[in-house]
C-alpha atoms as a PDB file:
ATOM      1  CA  MET A   1      -5.335 -25.317  -0.439  1.00  0.00           C
ATOM      2  CA  LYS A   2      -7.406 -24.903  -3.501  1.00  0.00           C
ATOM      3  CA  ASN A   3      -5.659 -23.666  -6.956  1.00  0.00           C
ATOM      4  CA  LYS A   4      -7.555 -20.254  -8.067  1.00  0.00           C
ATOM      5  CA  LYS A   5      -7.329 -18.363 -11.229  1.00  0.00           C
ATOM      6  CA  ILE A   6      -4.833 -15.631 -12.471  1.00  0.00           C
ATOM      7  CA  SER A   7      -6.935 -12.708 -12.593  1.00  0.00           C
ATOM      8  CA  SER A   8      -6.396  -9.844 -14.479  1.00  0.00           C
ATOM      9  CA  ASN A   9      -5.505  -7.933 -11.275  1.00  0.00           C
ATOM     10  CA  ASP A  10      -2.921 -10.896 -10.240  1.00  0.00           C
ATOM     11  CA  ARG A  11      -1.172 -10.193 -13.623  1.00  0.00           C
ATOM     12  CA  LYS A  12      -1.508  -6.314 -13.079  1.00  0.00           C
ATOM     13  CA  GLN A  13       0.426  -6.566  -9.907  1.00  0.00           C
ATOM     14  CA  SER A  14       3.277  -8.698 -11.441  1.00  0.00           C
ATOM     15  CA  GLN A  15       3.587  -6.390 -13.947  1.00  0.00           C
ATOM     16  CA  LEU A  16       4.055  -2.872 -11.403  1.00  0.00           C
ATOM     17  CA  SER A  17       7.235  -1.346 -11.772  1.00  0.00           C
ATOM     18  CA  VAL A  18       9.582  -0.706  -8.817  1.00  0.00           C
ATOM     19  CA  ASN A  19       8.179   2.427  -7.515  1.00  0.00           C
ATOM     20  CA  GLN A  20       4.392   0.939  -7.317  1.00  0.00           C
ATOM     21  CA  LEU A  21       2.427  -0.444  -4.607  1.00  0.00           C
ATOM     22  CA  LEU A  22      -0.640  -2.236  -4.376  1.00  0.00           C
ATOM     23  CA  LEU A  23      -2.313  -2.535  -1.362  1.00  0.00           C
ATOM     24  CA  HIS A  24      -6.086  -4.532  -1.346  1.00  0.00           C
ATOM     25  CA  LYS A  25      -8.866  -2.536   0.296  1.00  0.00           C
ATOM     26  CA  GLU A  26     -10.271  -5.588   2.122  1.00  0.00           C
ATOM     27  CA  ILE A  27      -7.060  -5.371   4.140  1.00  0.00           C
ATOM     28  CA  TYR A  28      -5.887  -1.912   4.363  1.00  0.00           C
ATOM     29  CA  ASN A  29      -7.775   0.878   5.466  1.00  0.00           C
ATOM     30  CA  CYS A  30      -8.317   4.140   3.829  1.00  0.00           C
ATOM     31  CA  GLN A  31      -7.740   6.335   6.795  1.00  0.00           C
ATOM     32  CA  ALA A  32      -4.472   4.455   7.624  1.00  0.00           C
ATOM     33  CA  LEU A  33      -3.446   4.983   4.130  1.00  0.00           C
ATOM     34  CA  GLN A  34      -3.994   8.751   4.143  1.00  0.00           C
ATOM     35  CA  ARG A  35      -2.122   8.855   7.089  1.00  0.00           C
ATOM     36  CA  ALA A  36       0.741   7.232   5.836  1.00  0.00           C
ATOM     37  CA  MET A  37       1.069   9.272   2.811  1.00  0.00           C
ATOM     38  CA  ALA A  38       1.169  12.084   5.146  1.00  0.00           C
ATOM     39  CA  ALA A  39       4.003  10.601   7.412  1.00  0.00           C
ATOM     40  CA  PHE A  40       6.269   9.715   4.440  1.00  0.00           C
ATOM     41  CA  GLY A  41       5.267  12.561   2.392  1.00  0.00           C
ATOM     42  CA  SER A  42       8.903  14.043   3.024  1.00  0.00           C
ATOM     43  CA  LEU A  43      10.304  11.387   1.634  1.00  0.00           C
ATOM     44  CA  ALA A  44       8.823  10.800  -1.605  1.00  0.00           C
ATOM     45  CA  ARG A  45       6.240  12.443  -3.775  1.00  0.00           C
ATOM     46  CA  ILE A  46       3.370   9.732  -3.389  1.00  0.00           C
ATOM     47  CA  SER A  47       0.251   9.152  -5.421  1.00  0.00           C
ATOM     48  CA  VAL A  48      -2.725   7.184  -5.546  1.00  0.00           C
ATOM     49  CA  THR A  49      -5.727   5.543  -7.778  1.00  0.00           C
ATOM     50  CA  GLU A  50      -7.410   3.139  -6.925  1.00  0.00           C
ATOM     51  CA  ASN A  51     -10.168   0.378  -8.388  1.00  0.00           C
ATOM     52  CA  LYS A  52     -13.063  -1.982  -7.151  1.00  0.00           C
ATOM     53  CA  LEU A  53     -10.329  -3.973  -4.964  1.00  0.00           C
ATOM     54  CA  TYR A  54      -6.811  -1.899  -4.863  1.00  0.00           C
ATOM     55  CA  TYR A  55      -5.277   1.238  -3.865  1.00  0.00           C
ATOM     56  CA  CYS A  56      -2.219   1.370  -6.534  1.00  0.00           C
ATOM     57  CA  LEU A  57       0.609   3.941  -5.152  1.00  0.00           C
ATOM     58  CA  THR A  58       3.300   5.340  -6.779  1.00  0.00           C
ATOM     59  CA  PHE A  59       6.326   6.378  -5.612  1.00  0.00           C
ATOM     60  CA  GLU A  60       8.562   9.369  -7.510  1.00  0.00           C
ATOM     61  CA  GLU A  61      11.620  11.352  -6.232  1.00  0.00           C
ATOM     62  CA  CYS A  62      12.111   8.998  -3.533  1.00  0.00           C
ATOM     63  CA  ARG A  63      14.981  10.192  -1.242  1.00  0.00           C
ATOM     64  CA  VAL A  64      16.088   7.063   0.344  1.00  0.00           C
ATOM     65  CA  ASP A  65      16.066   3.485  -1.458  1.00  0.00           C
ATOM     66  CA  GLU A  66      12.814   2.633  -3.141  1.00  0.00           C
ATOM     67  CA  ARG A  67      12.354  -1.089  -2.037  1.00  0.00           C
ATOM     68  CA  LYS A  68      13.130  -0.221   1.374  1.00  0.00           C
ATOM     69  CA  LEU A  69      10.501   2.850   1.421  1.00  0.00           C
ATOM     70  CA  LEU A  70       7.409   0.987   0.015  1.00  0.00           C
ATOM     71  CA  ASP A  71       8.502  -1.981   2.467  1.00  0.00           C
ATOM     72  CA  GLU A  72       8.174   0.340   5.660  1.00  0.00           C
ATOM     73  CA  PHE A  73       5.023   2.513   4.018  1.00  0.00           C
ATOM     74  CA  ARG A  74       3.072  -0.961   3.778  1.00  0.00           C
ATOM     75  CA  ASN A  75       3.857  -1.500   7.108  1.00  0.00           C
ATOM     76  CA  TYR A  76       3.034   1.624   8.282  1.00  0.00           C
ATOM     77  CA  VAL A  77      -0.541   1.603   6.737  1.00  0.00           C
ATOM     78  CA  LEU A  78      -1.007  -2.025   8.028  1.00  0.00           C
ATOM     79  CA  ILE A  79      -0.082  -1.041  11.705  1.00  0.00           C
ATOM     80  CA  GLY A  80      -2.716   2.069  11.228  1.00  0.00           C
ATOM     81  CA  THR A  81      -5.322  -0.298   9.813  1.00  0.00           C
ATOM     82  CA  ILE A  82      -5.040  -2.374  12.892  1.00  0.00           C
ATOM     83  CA  GLN A  83      -4.816   0.038  15.449  1.00  0.00           C
ATOM     84  CA  SER A  84      -7.952   1.164  13.932  1.00  0.00           C
ATOM     85  CA  MET A  85      -9.483  -1.922  14.790  1.00  0.00           C
ATOM     86  CA  GLY A  86     -10.028  -1.028  18.636  1.00  0.00           C
ATOM     87  CA  ALA A  87      -8.659  -1.366  22.300  1.00  0.00           C
ATOM     88  CA  LEU A  88      -7.674  -5.209  21.545  1.00  0.00           C
ATOM     89  CA  TYR A  89      -4.832  -4.125  19.239  1.00  0.00           C
ATOM     90  CA  GLU A  90      -3.676  -0.828  21.211  1.00  0.00           C
END
Protein backbone atom coordinates (compact mmCIF):
# COMPACT_ATOMS: atom_id res chain seq x y z
CA MET A 1 0.00 0.00 0.00
CA LYS A 2 1.39 3.38 -0.96
CA ASN A 3 1.84 6.10 1.60
CA LYS A 4 -0.06 9.17 0.63
CA LYS A 5 0.43 12.73 1.67
CA ILE A 6 -2.08 14.15 4.07
CA SER A 7 -4.08 16.70 2.18
CA SER A 8 -5.75 19.78 3.58
CA ASN A 9 -9.07 17.92 3.21
CA ASP A 10 -7.75 15.08 5.39
CA ARG A 11 -6.62 17.58 8.02
CA LYS A 12 -9.98 19.31 7.81
CA GLN A 13 -11.77 15.99 8.39
CA SER A 14 -9.76 15.34 11.56
CA GLN A 15 -10.76 18.80 12.82
CA LEU A 16 -14.51 18.23 12.46
CA SER A 17 -16.60 18.69 15.54
CA VAL A 18 -18.68 15.88 17.01
CA ASN A 19 -21.80 17.04 15.19
CA GLN A 20 -20.24 17.16 11.70
CA LEU A 21 -19.92 14.52 9.02
CA LEU A 22 -17.92 14.51 5.76
CA LEU A 23 -19.16 12.34 2.91
CA HIS A 24 -16.91 11.91 -0.11
CA LYS A 25 -18.67 12.70 -3.39
CA GLU A 26 -17.02 9.77 -5.20
CA ILE A 27 -18.74 7.39 -2.79
CA TYR A 28 -22.03 9.04 -1.79
CA ASN A 29 -24.76 10.01 -4.25
CA CYS A 30 -26.44 13.44 -3.99
CA GLN A 31 -29.98 12.09 -4.38
CA ALA A 32 -29.40 9.54 -1.61
CA LEU A 33 -28.06 12.35 0.58
CA GLN A 34 -31.17 14.44 -0.05
CA ARG A 35 -33.47 11.49 0.77
CA ALA A 36 -31.57 10.87 4.00
CA MET A 37 -31.84 14.51 5.01
CA ALA A 38 -35.61 14.32 4.55
CA ALA A 39 -35.87 11.01 6.42
CA PHE A 40 -33.76 12.19 9.38
CA GLY A 41 -35.15 15.70 9.48
CA SER A 42 -37.34 14.98 12.50
CA LEU A 43 -34.30 13.86 14.51
CA ALA A 44 -32.03 16.86 13.95
CA ARG A 45 -31.63 20.08 12.04
CA ILE A 46 -29.26 19.09 9.25
CA SER A 47 -27.42 21.56 7.05
CA VAL A 48 -25.05 20.79 4.21
CA THR A 49 -22.27 22.63 2.45
CA GLU A 50 -20.02 21.18 -0.17
CA ASN A 51 -16.70 21.61 -1.87
CA LYS A 52 -15.14 19.86 -4.83
CA LEU A 53 -14.69 16.56 -2.98
CA TYR A 54 -17.00 16.45 0.02
CA TYR A 55 -20.46 17.09 1.37
CA CYS A 56 -20.02 18.56 4.85
CA LEU A 57 -23.05 18.02 7.05
CA THR A 58 -23.75 19.66 10.37
CA PHE A 59 -26.29 18.17 12.77
CA GLU A 60 -27.82 20.51 15.35
CA GLU A 61 -30.58 20.18 17.90
CA CYS A 62 -30.21 16.39 17.86
CA ARG A 63 -33.04 14.54 19.58
CA VAL A 64 -30.95 11.35 19.96
CA ASP A 65 -27.30 10.54 20.63
CA GLU A 66 -25.24 12.51 18.06
CA ARG A 67 -22.67 9.81 17.35
CA LYS A 68 -25.32 7.16 16.74
CA LEU A 69 -27.33 9.55 14.59
CA LEU A 70 -24.35 10.40 12.38
CA ASP A 71 -23.42 6.71 12.01
CA GLU A 72 -26.97 5.73 11.06
CA PHE A 73 -27.27 8.69 8.69
CA ARG A 74 -24.06 7.68 6.89
CA ASN A 75 -25.33 4.09 6.57
CA TYR A 76 -28.66 5.33 5.20
CA VAL A 77 -26.94 7.44 2.54
CA LEU A 78 -24.64 4.55 1.60
CA ILE A 79 -27.56 2.13 1.24
CA GLY A 80 -29.43 4.67 -0.89
CA THR A 81 -26.36 5.15 -3.05
CA ILE A 82 -25.94 1.40 -3.56
CA GLN A 83 -29.64 0.95 -4.36
CA SER A 84 -29.43 3.69 -6.98
CA MET A 85 -26.84 1.64 -8.86
CA GLY A 86 -29.54 -0.59 -10.29
CA ALA A 87 -31.25 -3.96 -10.15
CA LEU A 88 -28.13 -5.83 -9.07
CA TYR A 89 -28.42 -4.22 -5.61
CA GLU A 90 -32.21 -4.30 -5.13
